[in-house]
Amino acid sequence: MIKFDIVQEVVQRTGLPKNKAEIAVEAVFGGMKQALERGDRIELRGFGVFNVRPRKTGIGRNPRTGAQVNIAPGKAIRFKPGKDLQALD
């Protein structure tokens, strides 16, 4: 499923015009992105939780040369599915 499919689903379920549904979907995703950039936790009951976790520094290897490469610390977005989502067969 891609963003276009989500917009189509909103159109079908709500009867909104496509341009308004697209604006609504963009607003939701934009709000989620801003919250994650601030380091906030996003909890969607029945779906799951998004949060930002720090990544440690590390040492990797270049697969072609075998040389060691330092990996800088960073942040990673993690998703933990909720109970309802885990119950899918």
PDB file of N, CA and C in Angstrom:
ATOM      1  N   MET A   1       0.847  -1.169   0.000  1.00  0.00           N
ATOM      2  CA  MET A   1       0.000   0.000   0.000  1.00  0.00           C
ATOM      3  C   MET A   1       0.896   1.236   0.000  1.00  0.00           C
ATOM      4  N   ILE A   2       0.560   2.196  -0.823  1.00  0.00           N
ATOM      5  CA  ILE A   2       1.299   3.447  -0.895  1.00  0.00           C
ATOM      6  C   ILE A   2       0.371   4.594  -0.483  1.00  0.00           C
ATOM      7  N   LYS A   3       0.933   5.794  -0.397  1.00  0.00           N
ATOM      8  CA  LYS A   3       0.150   6.946   0.056  1.00  0.00           C
ATOM      9  C   LYS A   3      -1.086   7.175  -0.817  1.00  0.00           C
ATOM     10  N   PHE A   4      -0.953   6.952  -2.113  1.00  0.00           N
ATOM     11  CA  PHE A   4      -2.092   7.106  -3.028  1.00  0.00           C
ATOM     12  C   PHE A   4      -3.239   6.183  -2.612  1.00  0.00           C
ATOM     13  N   ASP A   5      -2.910   4.951  -2.231  1.00  0.00           N
ATOM     14  CA  ASP A   5      -3.935   3.992  -1.799  1.00  0.00           C
ATOM     15  C   ASP A   5      -4.619   4.452  -0.519  1.00  0.00           C
ATOM     16  N   ILE A   6      -3.858   5.060   0.378  1.00  0.00           N
ATOM     17  CA  ILE A   6      -4.440   5.566   1.624  1.00  0.00           C
ATOM     18  C   ILE A   6      -5.401   6.706   1.315  1.00  0.00           C
ATOM     19  N   VAL A   7      -5.020   7.590   0.409  1.00  0.00           N
ATOM     20  CA  VAL A   7      -5.909   8.693   0.009  1.00  0.00           C
ATOM     21  C   VAL A   7      -7.189   8.136  -0.596  1.00  0.00           C
ATOM     22  N   GLN A   8      -7.076   7.139  -1.458  1.00  0.00           N
ATOM     23  CA  GLN A   8      -8.267   6.528  -2.074  1.00  0.00           C
ATOM     24  C   GLN A   8      -9.172   5.901  -1.015  1.00  0.00           C
ATOM     25  N   GLU A   9      -8.581   5.277  -0.005  1.00  0.00           N
ATOM     26  CA  GLU A   9      -9.360   4.666   1.079  1.00  0.00           C
ATOM     27  C   GLU A   9     -10.123   5.738   1.862  1.00  0.00           C
ATOM     28  N   VAL A  10      -9.472   6.879   2.115  1.00  0.00           N
ATOM     29  CA  VAL A  10     -10.137   7.983   2.815  1.00  0.00           C
ATOM     30  C   VAL A  10     -11.296   8.512   1.973  1.00  0.00           C
ATOM     31  N   VAL A  11     -11.092   8.632   0.679  1.00  0.00           N
ATOM     32  CA  VAL A  11     -12.152   9.101  -0.221  1.00  0.00           C
ATOM     33  C   VAL A  11     -13.350   8.149  -0.172  1.00  0.00           C
ATOM     34  N   GLN A  12     -13.080   6.853  -0.256  1.00  0.00           N
ATOM     35  CA  GLN A  12     -14.165   5.869  -0.268  1.00  0.00           C
ATOM     36  C   GLN A  12     -14.923   5.830   1.059  1.00  0.00           C
ATOM     37  N   ARG A  13     -14.200   5.910   2.176  1.00  0.00           N
ATOM     38  CA  ARG A  13     -14.850   5.782   3.486  1.00  0.00           C
ATOM     39  C   ARG A  13     -15.554   7.049   3.947  1.00  0.00           C
ATOM     40  N   THR A  14     -15.059   8.220   3.529  1.00  0.00           N
ATOM     41  CA  THR A  14     -15.635   9.466   4.034  1.00  0.00           C
ATOM     42  C   THR A  14     -16.462  10.216   3.009  1.00  0.00           C
ATOM     43  N   GLY A  15     -16.231   9.947   1.734  1.00  0.00           N
ATOM     44  CA  GLY A  15     -16.931  10.698   0.703  1.00  0.00           C
ATOM     45  C   GLY A  15     -16.329  12.073   0.443  1.00  0.00           C
ATOM     46  N   LEU A  16     -15.176  12.357   1.040  1.00  0.00           N
ATOM     47  CA  LEU A  16     -14.503  13.635   0.794  1.00  0.00           C
ATOM     48  C   LEU A  16     -14.001  13.686  -0.640  1.00  0.00           C
ATOM     49  N   PRO A  17     -13.896  14.882  -1.201  1.00  0.00           N
ATOM     50  CA  PRO A  17     -13.247  15.000  -2.510  1.00  0.00           C
ATOM     51  C   PRO A  17     -11.778  14.591  -2.394  1.00  0.00           C
ATOM     52  N   LYS A  18     -11.216  14.132  -3.488  1.00  0.00           N
ATOM     53  CA  LYS A  18      -9.855  13.602  -3.477  1.00  0.00           C
ATOM     54  C   LYS A  18      -8.841  14.621  -2.990  1.00  0.00           C
ATOM     55  N   ASN A  19      -8.972  15.889  -3.408  1.00  0.00           N
ATOM     56  CA  ASN A  19      -7.987  16.896  -3.003  1.00  0.00           C
ATOM     57  C   ASN A  19      -8.028  17.147  -1.497  1.00  0.00           C
ATOM     58  N   LYS A  20      -9.219  17.126  -0.902  1.00  0.00           N
ATOM     59  CA  LYS A  20      -9.324  17.323   0.551  1.00  0.00           C
ATOM     60  C   LYS A  20      -8.810  16.108   1.305  1.00  0.00           C
ATOM     61  N   ALA A  21      -9.061  14.920   0.782  1.00  0.00           N
ATOM     62  CA  ALA A  21      -8.547  13.709   1.411  1.00  0.00           C
ATOM     63  C   ALA A  21      -7.025  13.693   1.369  1.00  0.00           C
ATOM     64  N   GLU A  22      -6.462  14.140   0.254  1.00  0.00           N
ATOM     65  CA  GLU A  22      -5.012  14.192   0.122  1.00  0.00           C
ATOM     66  C   GLU A  22      -4.404  15.178   1.118  1.00  0.00           C
ATOM     67  N   ILE A  23      -5.060  16.313   1.313  1.00  0.00           N
ATOM     68  CA  ILE A  23      -4.601  17.299   2.287  1.00  0.00           C
ATOM     69  C   ILE A  23      -4.664  16.712   3.695  1.00  0.00           C
ATOM     70  N   ALA A  24      -5.726  15.978   4.000  1.00  0.00           N
ATOM     71  CA  ALA A  24      -5.870  15.373   5.327  1.00  0.00           C
ATOM     72  C   ALA A  24      -4.778  14.337   5.587  1.00  0.00           C
ATOM     73  N   VAL A  25      -4.516  13.487   4.615  1.00  0.00           N
ATOM     74  CA  VAL A  25      -3.480  12.463   4.770  1.00  0.00           C
ATOM     75  C   VAL A  25      -2.115  13.123   4.932  1.00  0.00           C
ATOM     76  N   GLU A  26      -1.832  14.136   4.127  1.00  0.00           N
ATOM     77  CA  GLU A  26      -0.562  14.858   4.236  1.00  0.00           C
ATOM     78  C   GLU A  26      -0.425  15.504   5.614  1.00  0.00           C
ATOM     79  N   ALA A  27      -1.536  16.045   6.142  1.00  0.00           N
ATOM     80  CA  ALA A  27      -1.498  16.678   7.460  1.00  0.00           C
ATOM     81  C   ALA A  27      -1.181  15.661   8.549  1.00  0.00           C
ATOM     82  N   VAL A  28      -1.765  14.483   8.466  1.00  0.00           N
ATOM     83  CA  VAL A  28      -1.504  13.437   9.462  1.00  0.00           C
ATOM     84  C   VAL A  28      -0.040  13.018   9.404  1.00  0.00           C
ATOM     85  N   PHE A  29       0.455  12.723   8.213  1.00  0.00           N
ATOM     86  CA  PHE A  29       1.844  12.287   8.083  1.00  0.00           C
ATOM     87  C   PHE A  29       2.809  13.406   8.478  1.00  0.00           C
ATOM     88  N   GLY A  30       2.486  14.634   8.121  1.00  0.00           N
ATOM     89  CA  GLY A  30       3.332  15.763   8.499  1.00  0.00           C
ATOM     90  C   GLY A  30       3.390  15.940  10.006  1.00  0.00           C
ATOM     91  N   GLY A  31       2.256  15.803  10.667  1.00  0.00           N
ATOM     92  CA  GLY A  31       2.220  15.902  12.128  1.00  0.00           C
ATOM     93  C   GLY A  31       3.014  14.792  12.793  1.00  0.00           C
ATOM     94  N   MET A  32       2.923  13.582  12.234  1.00  0.00           N
ATOM     95  CA  MET A  32       3.689  12.460  12.777  1.00  0.00           C
ATOM     96  C   MET A  32       5.185  12.709  12.608  1.00  0.00           C
ATOM     97  N   LYS A  33       5.567  13.210  11.445  1.00  0.00           N
ATOM     98  CA  LYS A  33       6.988  13.472  11.176  1.00  0.00           C
ATOM     99  C   LYS A  33       7.533  14.527  12.136  1.00  0.00           C
ATOM    100  N   GLN A  34       6.774  15.594  12.357  1.00  0.00           N
ATOM    101  CA  GLN A  34       7.214  16.642  13.271  1.00  0.00           C
ATOM    102  C   GLN A  34       7.351  16.120  14.692  1.00  0.00           C
ATOM    103  N   ALA A  35       6.412  15.281  15.124  1.00  0.00           N
ATOM    104  CA  ALA A  35       6.476  14.714  16.475  1.00  0.00           C
ATOM    105  C   ALA A  35       7.713  13.838  16.634  1.00  0.00           C
ATOM    106  N   LEU A  36       8.011  13.031  15.630  1.00  0.00           N
ATOM    107  CA  LEU A  36       9.196  12.180  15.703  1.00  0.00           C
ATOM    108  C   LEU A  36      10.481  13.003  15.673  1.00  0.00           C
ATOM    109  N   GLU A  37      10.496  14.097  14.904  1.00  0.00           N
ATOM    110  CA  GLU A  37      11.667  14.975  14.868  1.00  0.00           C
ATOM    111  C   GLU A  37      11.930  15.593  16.241  1.00  0.00           C
ATOM    112  N   ARG A  38      10.864  15.879  16.996  1.00  0.00           N
ATOM    113  CA  ARG A  38      11.005  16.424  18.352  1.00  0.00           C
ATOM    114  C   ARG A  38      11.398  15.340  19.351  1.00  0.00           C
ATOM    115  N   GLY A  39      11.322  14.086  18.933  1.00  0.00           N
ATOM    116  CA  GLY A  39      11.646  12.976  19.833  1.00  0.00           C
ATOM    117  C   GLY A  39      10.437  12.467  20.596  1.00  0.00           C
ATOM    118  N   ASP A  40       9.245  12.912  20.218  1.00  0.00           N
ATOM    119  CA  ASP A  40       8.025  12.472  20.886  1.00  0.00           C
ATOM    120  C   ASP A  40       7.667  11.038  20.503  1.00  0.00           C
ATOM    121  N   ARG A  41       6.862  10.424  21.316  1.00  0.00           N
ATOM    122  CA  ARG A  41       6.364   9.065  21.088  1.00  0.00           C
ATOM    123  C   ARG A  41       4.970   9.187  20.483  1.00  0.00           C
ATOM    124  N   ILE A  42       4.685   8.388  19.468  1.00  0.00           N
ATOM    125  CA  ILE A  42       3.364   8.392  18.837  1.00  0.00           C
ATOM    126  C   ILE A  42       2.706   7.055  19.142  1.00  0.00           C
ATOM    127  N   GLU A  43       1.581   7.103  19.844  1.00  0.00           N
ATOM    128  CA  GLU A  43       0.863   5.884  20.206  1.00  0.00           C
ATOM    129  C   GLU A  43      -0.504   5.891  19.537  1.00  0.00           C
ATOM    130  N   LEU A  44      -0.734   4.913  18.676  1.00  0.00           N
ATOM    131  CA  LEU A  44      -2.018   4.751  18.007  1.00  0.00           C
ATOM    132  C   LEU A  44      -2.658   3.481  18.563  1.00  0.00           C
ATOM    133  N   ARG A  45      -3.614   3.637  19.452  1.00  0.00           N
ATOM    134  CA  ARG A  45      -4.228   2.493  20.129  1.00  0.00           C
ATOM    135  C   ARG A  45      -4.742   1.485  19.114  1.00  0.00           C
ATOM    136  N   GLY A  46      -4.411   0.224  19.344  1.00  0.00           N
ATOM    137  CA  GLY A  46      -4.846  -0.847  18.468  1.00  0.00           C
ATOM    138  C   GLY A  46      -3.975  -1.020  17.235  1.00  0.00           C
ATOM    139  N   PHE A  47      -3.094  -0.071  16.973  1.00  0.00           N
ATOM    140  CA  PHE A  47      -2.212  -0.163  15.808  1.00  0.00           C
ATOM    141  C   PHE A  47      -0.772  -0.369  16.245  1.00  0.00           C
ATOM    142  N   GLY A  48      -0.239   0.574  17.026  1.00  0.00           N
ATOM    143  CA  GLY A  48       1.123   0.417  17.491  1.00  0.00           C
ATOM    144  C   GLY A  48       1.721   1.723  17.977  1.00  0.00           C
ATOM    145  N   VAL A  49       3.022   1.655  18.269  1.00  0.00           N
ATOM    146  CA  VAL A  49       3.739   2.794  18.825  1.00  0.00           C
ATOM    147  C   VAL A  49       4.976   3.072  17.976  1.00  0.00           C
ATOM    148  N   PHE A  50       5.164   4.340  17.630  1.00  0.00           N
ATOM    149  CA  PHE A  50       6.371   4.801  16.950  1.00  0.00           C
ATOM    150  C   PHE A  50       7.185   5.595  17.967  1.00  0.00           C
ATOM    151  N   ASN A  51       8.497   5.351  18.021  1.00  0.00           N
ATOM    152  CA  ASN A  51       9.348   6.187  18.851  1.00  0.00           C
ATOM    153  C   ASN A  51      10.739   6.260  18.242  1.00  0.00           C
ATOM    154  N   VAL A  52      11.508   7.244  18.716  1.00  0.00           N
ATOM    155  CA  VAL A  52      12.854   7.463  18.213  1.00  0.00           C
ATOM    156  C   VAL A  52      13.826   6.974  19.278  1.00  0.00           C
ATOM    157  N   ARG A  53      14.769   6.149  18.857  1.00  0.00           N
ATOM    158  CA  ARG A  53      15.784   5.643  19.777  1.00  0.00           C
ATOM    159  C   ARG A  53      17.164   6.009  19.244  1.00  0.00           C
ATOM    160  N   PRO A  54      18.071   6.300  20.174  1.00  0.00           N
ATOM    161  CA  PRO A  54      19.444   6.600  19.727  1.00  0.00           C
ATOM    162  C   PRO A  54      20.149   5.324  19.272  1.00  0.00           C
ATOM    163  N   ARG A  55      21.012   5.479  18.280  1.00  0.00           N
ATOM    164  CA  ARG A  55      21.855   4.376  17.797  1.00  0.00           C
ATOM    165  C   ARG A  55      23.274   4.631  18.276  1.00  0.00           C
ATOM    166  N   LYS A  56      23.930   3.582  18.710  1.00  0.00           N
ATOM    167  CA  LYS A  56      25.303   3.709  19.184  1.00  0.00           C
ATOM    168  C   LYS A  56      26.272   3.816  18.005  1.00  0.00           C
ATOM    169  N   THR A  57      27.465   4.286  18.331  1.00  0.00           N
ATOM    170  CA  THR A  57      28.527   4.267  17.318  1.00  0.00           C
ATOM    171  C   THR A  57      28.932   2.822  17.103  1.00  0.00           C
ATOM    172  N   GLY A  58      29.483   2.552  15.970  1.00  0.00           N
ATOM    173  CA  GLY A  58      29.871   1.183  15.686  1.00  0.00           C
ATOM    174  C   GLY A  58      30.998   1.133  14.684  1.00  0.00           C
ATOM    175  N   ILE A  59      31.459  -0.065  14.463  1.00  0.00           N
ATOM    176  CA  ILE A  59      32.494  -0.294  13.465  1.00  0.00           C
ATOM    177  C   ILE A  59      31.935  -1.289  12.462  1.00  0.00           C
ATOM    178  N   GLY A  60      31.954  -0.896  11.205  1.00  0.00           N
ATOM    179  CA  GLY A  60      31.484  -1.763  10.128  1.00  0.00           C
ATOM    180  C   GLY A  60      32.648  -2.119   9.224  1.00  0.00           C
ATOM    181  N   ARG A  61      32.352  -2.890   8.231  1.00  0.00           N
ATOM    182  CA  ARG A  61      33.377  -3.278   7.267  1.00  0.00           C
ATOM    183  C   ARG A  61      32.883  -2.995   5.862  1.00  0.00           C
ATOM    184  N   ASN A  62      33.797  -2.489   5.049  1.00  0.00           N
ATOM    185  CA  ASN A  62      33.501  -2.305   3.635  1.00  0.00           C
ATOM    186  C   ASN A  62      33.533  -3.700   2.998  1.00  0.00           C
ATOM    187  N   PRO A  63      32.423  -4.151   2.409  1.00  0.00           N
ATOM    188  CA  PRO A  63      32.387  -5.515   1.876  1.00  0.00           C
ATOM    189  C   PRO A  63      33.358  -5.764   0.723  1.00  0.00           C
ATOM    190  N   ARG A  64      33.727  -4.731   0.003  1.00  0.00           N
ATOM    191  CA  ARG A  64      34.639  -4.911  -1.137  1.00  0.00           C
ATOM    192  C   ARG A  64      36.092  -5.009  -0.700  1.00  0.00           C
ATOM    193  N   THR A  65      36.474  -4.130   0.230  1.00  0.00           N
ATOM    194  CA  THR A  65      37.884  -4.072   0.611  1.00  0.00           C
ATOM    195  C   THR A  65      38.174  -4.737   1.948  1.00  0.00           C
ATOM    196  N   GLY A  66      37.145  -4.885   2.783  1.00  0.00           N
ATOM    197  CA  GLY A  66      37.349  -5.449   4.116  1.00  0.00           C
ATOM    198  C   GLY A  66      37.858  -4.424   5.116  1.00  0.00           C
ATOM    199  N   ALA A  67      38.012  -3.178   4.688  1.00  0.00           N
ATOM    200  CA  ALA A  67      38.513  -2.121   5.572  1.00  0.00           C
ATOM    201  C   ALA A  67      37.456  -1.745   6.605  1.00  0.00           C
ATOM    202  N   GLN A  68      37.924  -1.396   7.803  1.00  0.00           N
ATOM    203  CA  GLN A  68      37.002  -0.963   8.849  1.00  0.00           C
ATOM    204  C   GLN A  68      36.476   0.428   8.546  1.00  0.00           C
ATOM    205  N   VAL A  69      35.200   0.633   8.866  1.00  0.00           N
ATOM    206  CA  VAL A  69      34.548   1.922   8.660  1.00  0.00           C
ATOM    207  C   VAL A  69      33.858   2.287   9.967  1.00  0.00           C
ATOM    208  N   ASN A  70      34.093   3.509  10.450  1.00  0.00           N
ATOM    209  CA  ASN A  70      33.408   3.975  11.653  1.00  0.00           C
ATOM    210  C   ASN A  70      31.992   4.397  11.298  1.00  0.00           C
ATOM    211  N   ILE A  71      31.039   3.959  12.093  1.00  0.00           N
ATOM    212  CA  ILE A  71      29.635   4.313  11.889  1.00  0.00           C
ATOM    213  C   ILE A  71      29.268   5.325  12.962  1.00  0.00           C
ATOM    214  N   ALA A  72      28.838   6.502  12.538  1.00  0.00           N
ATOM    215  CA  ALA A  72      28.513   7.590  13.460  1.00  0.00           C
ATOM    216  C   ALA A  72      27.237   7.273  14.240  1.00  0.00           C
ATOM    217  N   PRO A  73      27.116   7.823  15.460  1.00  0.00           N
ATOM    218  CA  PRO A  73      25.876   7.635  16.208  1.00  0.00           C
ATOM    219  C   PRO A  73      24.739   8.365  15.501  1.00  0.00           C
ATOM    220  N   GLY A  74      23.548   7.899  15.692  1.00  0.00           N
ATOM    221  CA  GLY A  74      22.407   8.526  15.046  1.00  0.00           C
ATOM    222  C   GLY A  74      21.133   8.183  15.770  1.00  0.00           C
ATOM    223  N   LYS A  75      20.042   8.340  15.098  1.00  0.00           N
ATOM    224  CA  LYS A  75      18.731   8.030  15.657  1.00  0.00           C
ATOM    225  C   LYS A  75      17.999   7.116  14.692  1.00  0.00           C
ATOM    226  N   ALA A  76      17.183   6.231  15.238  1.00  0.00           N
ATOM    227  CA  ALA A  76      16.418   5.306  14.413  1.00  0.00           C
ATOM    228  C   ALA A  76      14.971   5.321  14.884  1.00  0.00           C
ATOM    229  N   ILE A  77      14.057   5.269  13.940  1.00  0.00           N
ATOM    230  CA  ILE A  77      12.639   5.205  14.277  1.00  0.00           C
ATOM    231  C   ILE A  77      12.260   3.749  14.421  1.00  0.00           C
ATOM    232  N   ARG A  78      11.612   3.431  15.532  1.00  0.00           N
ATOM    233  CA  ARG A  78      11.187   2.068  15.806  1.00  0.00           C
ATOM    234  C   ARG A  78       9.672   2.011  15.849  1.00  0.00           C
ATOM    235  N   PHE A  79       9.142   0.869  15.423  1.00  0.00           N
ATOM    236  CA  PHE A  79       7.698   0.646  15.462  1.00  0.00           C
ATOM    237  C   PHE A  79       7.439  -0.641  16.205  1.00  0.00           C
ATOM    238  N   LYS A  80       6.554  -0.575  17.194  1.00  0.00           N
ATOM    239  CA  LYS A  80       6.141  -1.770  17.926  1.00  0.00           C
ATOM    240  C   LYS A  80       4.645  -1.946  17.681  1.00  0.00           C
ATOM    241  N   PRO A  81       4.245  -3.031  17.021  1.00  0.00           N
ATOM    242  CA  PRO A  81       2.826  -3.224  16.726  1.00  0.00           C
ATOM    243  C   PRO A  81       2.004  -3.431  17.988  1.00  0.00           C
ATOM    244  N   GLY A  82       0.754  -2.973  17.938  1.00  0.00           N
ATOM    245  CA  GLY A  82      -0.169  -3.151  19.045  1.00  0.00           C
ATOM    246  C   GLY A  82      -0.772  -4.541  19.033  1.00  0.00           C
ATOM    247  N   LYS A  83      -1.539  -4.854  20.074  1.00  0.00           N
ATOM    248  CA  LYS A  83      -2.132  -6.186  20.215  1.00  0.00           C
ATOM    249  C   LYS A  83      -3.049  -6.546  19.052  1.00  0.00           C
ATOM    250  N   ASP A  84      -3.874  -5.598  18.624  1.00  0.00           N
ATOM    251  CA  ASP A  84      -4.803  -5.871  17.531  1.00  0.00           C
ATOM    252  C   ASP A  84      -4.061  -6.183  16.231  1.00  0.00           C
ATOM    253  N   LEU A  85      -2.965  -5.488  15.994  1.00  0.00           N
ATOM    254  CA  LEU A  85      -2.184  -5.700  14.777  1.00  0.00           C
ATOM    255  C   LEU A  85      -1.421  -7.023  14.844  1.00  0.00           C
ATOM    256  N   GLN A  86      -0.947  -7.387  16.017  1.00  0.00           N
ATOM    257  CA  GLN A  86      -0.246  -8.658  16.188  1.00  0.00           C
ATOM    258  C   GLN A  86      -1.179  -9.842  16.033  1.00  0.00           C
ATOM    259  N   ALA A  87      -2.462  -9.636  16.296  1.00  0.00           N
ATOM    260  CA  ALA A  87      -3.426 -10.732  16.250  1.00  0.00           C
ATOM    261  C   ALA A  87      -3.829 -11.116  14.826  1.00  0.00           C
ATOM    262  N   LEU A  88      -3.352 -10.381  13.816  1.00  0.00           N
ATOM    263  CA  LEU A  88      -3.682 -10.708  12.430  1.00  0.00           C
ATOM    264  C   LEU A  88      -3.109 -12.060  12.062  1.00  0.00           C
ATOM    265  N   ASP A  89      -3.875 -12.826  11.336  1.00  0.00           N
ATOM    266  CA  ASP A  89      -3.394 -14.148  10.892  1.00  0.00           C
ATOM    267  C   ASP A  89      -2.790 -14.081   9.528  1.00  0.00           C
TER     268      ASP A  89
END
